[in-house]
Protein backbone atom coordinates (compact mmCIF):
# COMPACT_ATOMS: atom_id res chain seq x y z
CA MET A 1 14.75 45.24 -0.40
CA GLU A 2 11.88 43.56 1.55
CA ALA A 3 12.63 40.38 2.55
CA ASN A 4 9.83 38.91 1.01
CA LYS A 5 11.26 39.62 -2.64
CA ILE A 6 14.81 38.78 -1.75
CA VAL A 7 12.97 35.21 -0.59
CA ASP A 8 10.88 35.34 -4.00
CA TRP A 9 14.07 35.82 -6.22
CA ALA A 10 15.95 33.72 -4.55
CA HIS A 11 13.45 30.93 -4.51
CA LEU A 12 12.56 31.71 -8.47
CA ILE A 13 16.31 31.74 -9.29
CA GLY A 14 16.76 28.40 -7.12
CA VAL A 15 14.13 26.32 -8.93
CA ILE A 16 14.46 27.50 -12.17
CA ALA A 17 18.23 26.24 -11.73
CA GLU A 18 16.55 22.88 -9.76
CA ALA A 19 14.63 22.90 -13.60
CA GLY A 20 17.95 22.88 -15.39
CA LEU A 21 19.12 20.42 -13.39
CA THR A 22 16.81 17.81 -13.28
CA TYR A 23 16.39 18.48 -17.53
CA ALA A 24 19.96 18.95 -18.58
CA SER A 25 21.27 17.46 -21.45
CA ASP A 26 25.18 18.03 -20.97
CA SER A 27 27.65 18.32 -18.41
CA ASN A 28 28.36 22.03 -19.18
CA ASP A 29 24.89 22.42 -18.08
CA LEU A 30 25.06 20.64 -15.26
CA LYS A 31 27.93 22.66 -14.31
CA ARG A 32 25.86 25.98 -15.02
CA TYR A 33 22.87 25.41 -13.45
CA GLY A 34 24.72 23.75 -10.24
CA VAL A 35 26.68 26.94 -9.77
CA ILE A 36 23.14 29.23 -10.12
CA LYS A 37 21.36 26.71 -7.36
CA GLU A 38 24.27 27.06 -5.09
CA ALA A 39 24.19 30.68 -5.32
CA ALA A 40 20.41 30.79 -4.31
CA GLN A 41 20.58 28.45 -1.81
CA ASP A 42 23.51 30.85 0.01
CA MET A 43 20.81 33.66 -0.32
CA LEU A 44 17.91 31.38 0.85
CA SER A 45 20.25 29.96 3.67
CA HIS A 46 19.40 33.54 5.72
CA TYR A 47 15.66 33.19 6.16
CA ARG A 48 15.37 29.39 6.70
CA GLU A 49 16.52 27.82 9.90
CA PRO A 50 17.89 24.39 9.33
CA HIS A 51 15.30 21.95 10.65
CA GLU A 52 14.80 18.00 10.67
CA ASP A 53 14.27 16.14 7.88
CA LEU A 54 10.98 15.32 6.77
CA PRO A 55 10.12 12.29 5.19
CA ARG A 56 10.81 11.92 1.17
CA ARG A 57 9.17 8.53 0.26
CA VAL A 58 6.63 5.76 1.92
CA PRO A 59 8.70 2.84 2.41
CA ASN A 60 6.31 -0.52 1.61
CA GLY A 61 6.88 -3.74 0.01
CA GLU A 62 4.07 -3.58 -2.20
CA ASN A 63 5.18 -1.54 -4.57
CA LYS A 64 2.71 1.26 -3.60
CA ILE A 65 3.40 4.71 -4.47
CA TYR A 66 2.13 8.41 -4.51
CA LEU A 67 0.92 10.80 -6.93
CA THR A 68 0.03 14.37 -5.45
CA PHE A 69 -0.98 17.51 -6.90
CA ASP A 70 -0.55 21.06 -5.35
CA ASP A 71 -2.25 24.46 -5.83
CA GLY A 72 -5.64 23.61 -6.69
CA PRO A 73 -8.80 22.98 -7.20
CA ASP A 74 -9.07 24.82 -10.78
CA PRO A 75 -11.43 24.97 -13.33
CA VAL A 76 -10.02 23.68 -15.64
CA TYR A 77 -7.50 21.18 -15.54
CA THR A 78 -8.41 19.67 -11.73
CA PRO A 79 -11.32 18.01 -13.47
CA GLN A 80 -9.63 16.94 -16.48
CA ILE A 81 -7.07 15.25 -13.68
CA LEU A 82 -9.96 13.30 -12.12
CA ASP A 83 -11.48 12.14 -14.92
CA LEU A 84 -7.94 10.19 -16.17
CA LEU A 85 -7.60 9.01 -12.33
CA LYS A 86 -11.23 7.98 -12.89
CA LYS A 87 -10.40 6.03 -15.93
CA TYR A 88 -7.57 4.48 -14.86
CA GLY A 89 -9.75 3.60 -11.44
CA ILE A 90 -6.39 4.89 -9.13
CA THR A 91 -6.58 7.70 -6.27
CA CYS A 92 -4.37 10.59 -5.57
CA THR A 93 -3.62 12.85 -2.97
CA PHE A 94 -4.51 16.51 -3.59
CA PHE A 95 -3.06 19.61 -1.39
CA LEU A 96 -5.54 22.23 -1.58
CA MET A 97 -5.11 26.45 -1.36
CA GLY A 98 -8.27 28.08 0.94
CA GLU A 99 -8.65 30.79 -1.55
CA ARG A 100 -9.31 28.42 -4.77
CA VAL A 101 -11.63 25.93 -2.33
CA ARG A 102 -13.72 28.83 -1.70
CA GLU A 103 -14.42 29.38 -5.74
CA HIS A 104 -14.91 26.05 -6.43
CA PRO A 105 -16.26 24.22 -3.41
CA HIS A 106 -17.99 21.40 -6.31
CA ILE A 107 -14.58 20.36 -7.38
CA VAL A 108 -13.27 19.59 -3.67
CA LYS A 109 -16.46 17.71 -3.47
CA ARG A 110 -16.18 15.70 -6.27
CA ILE A 111 -12.07 15.28 -5.57
CA LEU A 112 -13.53 13.30 -2.40
CA ASP A 113 -16.98 11.82 -3.73
CA GLU A 114 -13.98 9.73 -6.04
CA GLY A 115 -11.80 8.42 -3.17
CA HIS A 116 -9.09 10.64 -3.22
CA ALA A 117 -7.54 12.35 -0.18
CA ILE A 118 -7.10 16.32 0.57
CA GLY A 119 -4.62 18.00 2.02
CA ASN A 120 -4.32 22.06 3.72
CA HIS A 121 -1.81 23.95 1.04
CA THR A 122 -2.43 27.59 3.19
CA TYR A 123 -4.37 29.84 1.92
CA THR A 124 -2.47 32.26 -0.11
CA HIS A 125 0.42 29.94 -0.95
CA PRO A 126 3.17 32.48 1.01
CA TYR A 127 6.19 31.65 2.05
CA MET A 128 5.69 30.43 5.88
CA VAL A 129 9.44 30.90 6.58
CA LEU A 130 8.58 34.99 6.00
CA LEU A 131 5.37 34.29 8.41
CA ASN A 132 4.75 34.98 12.11
CA GLU A 133 2.65 32.40 14.26
CA LYS A 134 -0.39 34.69 14.50
CA GLU A 135 -0.30 34.74 10.05
CA LEU A 136 0.52 30.99 10.07
CA ASN A 137 -2.21 30.25 11.85
CA GLU A 138 -4.51 32.32 9.70
CA GLU A 139 -3.48 30.57 6.71
CA LEU A 140 -4.02 27.37 8.17
CA SER A 141 -7.26 27.76 9.74
CA ARG A 142 -8.73 30.09 6.73
CA THR A 143 -8.37 26.59 4.65
CA ASP A 144 -9.63 24.69 7.10
CA GLU A 145 -12.65 26.52 7.43
CA ALA A 146 -12.90 26.57 3.78
CA ILE A 147 -12.42 23.16 3.31
CA ARG A 148 -14.86 22.29 6.08
CA ASP A 149 -17.39 24.17 4.68
CA ALA A 150 -17.01 22.63 1.19
CA VAL A 151 -16.95 19.21 2.28
CA GLY A 152 -18.08 19.05 5.99
CA PHE A 153 -14.35 18.74 7.99
CA ALA A 154 -10.84 19.86 7.85
CA PRO A 155 -7.90 17.90 6.69
CA VAL A 156 -5.21 16.36 8.52
CA LEU A 157 -2.60 16.34 5.57
CA PHE A 158 -0.33 19.31 4.83
CA ARG A 159 2.10 20.20 2.64
CA PRO A 160 4.25 23.82 2.74
CA PRO A 161 4.01 25.94 -0.04
CA TYR A 162 7.26 25.51 -2.13
CA GLY A 163 8.49 23.00 0.49
CA LEU A 164 10.02 26.10 2.35
CA LEU A 165 9.72 26.06 6.23
CA ASN A 166 11.79 26.02 9.35
CA GLN A 167 11.93 23.96 12.66
CA GLY A 168 9.18 26.50 14.24
CA ASP A 169 6.97 26.05 11.56
CA ILE A 170 6.84 22.50 11.79
CA ASP A 171 6.41 22.80 15.33
CA LEU A 172 3.17 24.57 14.85
CA VAL A 173 2.11 22.72 12.05
CA ARG A 174 1.86 19.36 14.35
CA ALA A 175 0.92 21.04 17.48
CA ARG A 176 -2.24 21.61 15.39
CA GLY A 177 -2.60 18.43 14.96
CA TYR A 178 -1.20 18.38 11.07
CA GLU A 179 1.20 15.31 9.12
CA ILE A 180 3.06 16.84 7.09
CA MET A 181 3.62 15.19 3.19
CA MET A 182 6.50 16.07 1.55
CA TRP A 183 7.45 14.62 -1.83
CA SER A 184 10.44 12.92 -3.31
CA GLU A 185 13.21 15.31 -4.28
CA GLU A 186 13.83 13.94 -7.46
CA PHE A 187 10.32 13.97 -8.43
CA GLU A 188 9.79 17.51 -8.50
CA MET A 189 8.71 17.69 -11.91
CA PHE A 190 8.96 21.45 -12.76
CA ASP A 191 5.97 21.16 -14.46
CA TRP A 192 5.36 24.79 -14.49
CA SER A 193 7.81 25.72 -16.07
CA PHE A 194 7.00 23.59 -19.56
CA PRO A 195 10.14 21.04 -19.70
CA GLY A 196 8.17 19.01 -22.30
CA VAL A 197 5.88 16.08 -21.89
CA ASP A 198 8.33 13.92 -22.96
CA ASN A 199 10.66 14.65 -20.89
CA MET A 200 8.43 14.68 -17.49
CA VAL A 201 6.98 10.83 -18.55
CA ARG A 202 10.70 9.70 -19.30
CA LEU A 203 11.82 10.96 -15.88
CA ILE A 204 9.01 9.46 -13.91
CA GLU A 205 9.65 6.12 -15.96
CA GLU A 206 13.22 6.22 -14.93
CA LYS A 207 13.08 7.08 -11.22
CA THR A 208 10.00 5.85 -9.95
CA GLU A 209 10.20 2.95 -7.42
CA SER A 210 8.02 1.53 -4.49
CA GLY A 211 6.88 4.28 -1.99
CA SER A 212 7.82 7.30 -4.29
CA ILE A 213 5.85 10.39 -3.90
CA ILE A 214 5.29 12.11 -6.90
CA LEU A 215 4.80 16.03 -6.87
CA LEU A 216 2.90 17.52 -9.84
CA HIS A 217 0.49 20.57 -10.09
CA ASP A 218 -3.04 20.96 -10.94
CA GLY A 219 -3.49 24.42 -10.40
CA GLY A 220 -1.75 28.21 -10.71
CA GLY A 221 -1.50 28.21 -14.45
CA ASN A 222 -1.31 26.61 -17.60
CA ARG A 223 -1.50 22.31 -16.81
CA GLU A 224 -2.12 21.31 -20.32
CA GLU A 225 1.15 19.19 -20.25
CA THR A 226 0.70 18.19 -16.57
CA VAL A 227 -3.06 16.26 -17.58
CA ARG A 228 -0.62 15.18 -20.77
CA THR A 229 1.39 13.68 -18.52
CA VAL A 230 -0.97 12.17 -16.38
CA GLU A 231 -2.48 10.35 -19.47
CA LYS A 232 0.47 8.95 -20.54
CA VAL A 233 2.37 7.62 -17.61
CA VAL A 234 -0.37 6.45 -15.86
CA PRO A 235 -1.13 3.47 -17.55
CA LEU A 236 3.06 2.65 -17.99
CA LEU A 237 3.62 2.78 -14.20
CA LEU A 238 0.51 0.45 -13.94
CA GLU A 239 1.62 -1.94 -16.93
CA ARG A 240 5.33 -2.15 -14.51
CA GLY A 241 2.81 -3.06 -11.54
CA PHE A 242 3.05 -0.24 -9.38
CA HIS A 243 -0.06 0.46 -7.66
CA PHE A 244 -1.35 4.41 -6.92
CA ALA A 245 -2.07 4.95 -3.09
CA SER A 246 -3.69 7.70 -1.31
CA ASP A 247 -3.10 6.20 2.44
CA TYR A 248 0.03 8.29 3.01
CA LEU A 249 -1.34 9.07 6.52
CA GLU A 250 -2.31 5.80 7.73
CA GLN A 251 1.47 4.58 6.45
CA SER A 252 3.16 7.41 8.00
CA ARG A 253 1.75 7.15 11.39
CA ASN A 254 2.20 3.43 11.21
CA GLU A 255 5.68 4.01 10.19
CA HIS A 256 6.15 6.45 13.28
CA GLY A 257 4.99 3.94 15.79
CA HIS A 258 1.55 5.61 16.28
CA GLU A 259 -1.71 5.09 16.04
CA ALA A 260 -3.62 5.13 12.44
CA ALA A 261 -5.47 8.08 12.35
CA GLY A 262 -8.57 9.10 9.86
CA THR A 263 -8.26 11.89 7.48
CA ALA A 264 -10.31 14.78 8.93
CA ARG A 265 -10.25 16.70 11.61
């Protein structure tokens, strides 16, 4: 079997297991999904080298949290999400796929015009661990070019598709001037699996704390549940005193002792 098919199946099995563990209702389910997750991780270990731990939250004493969206822009769901963010007066971060930026540059412009941050999420959403250096550079460059054509600059933030990468990928991405933004592991909501709006709202309410990075998706399929989750959970978190931020780049570089930089290259 080709390596990409093995990784594809192993990753799919793994995320299904993770989703099951996230929303499991009893101990038997936890055991079953735990076994499945271990098997998937063992399969992926043959293709994923060990790498440094990347930050999964943003330490701060200001009750800041970071709501992020991957895989857009989408002509149906991204505007609906933007409408809600505007309604509540908050800013977030969107990680954009280059091929979708090419199709919907006007949505990227709206994202920027309304004060949100953007990041590179590759052009075609590949498994980075299977790409050689030339292929990865092409994925990054084509996305930068698409975003630059849409809004006049290329972003500094980067998020790896599926969260899969190795140390070589990290080194290459950083050498190109990107800051990598992952997400808090408890906040991969698996919204693409339709876990239910109430389940997602409950989980976000229960686990959000200062510095949390929440991962949702505005593109890649039917995102009706995601839109409804945003509509319900944002006012609840605002009532609890959380502040939605889009300054990850500045916070991250200050945390590591670097001079704070802008959001574009």
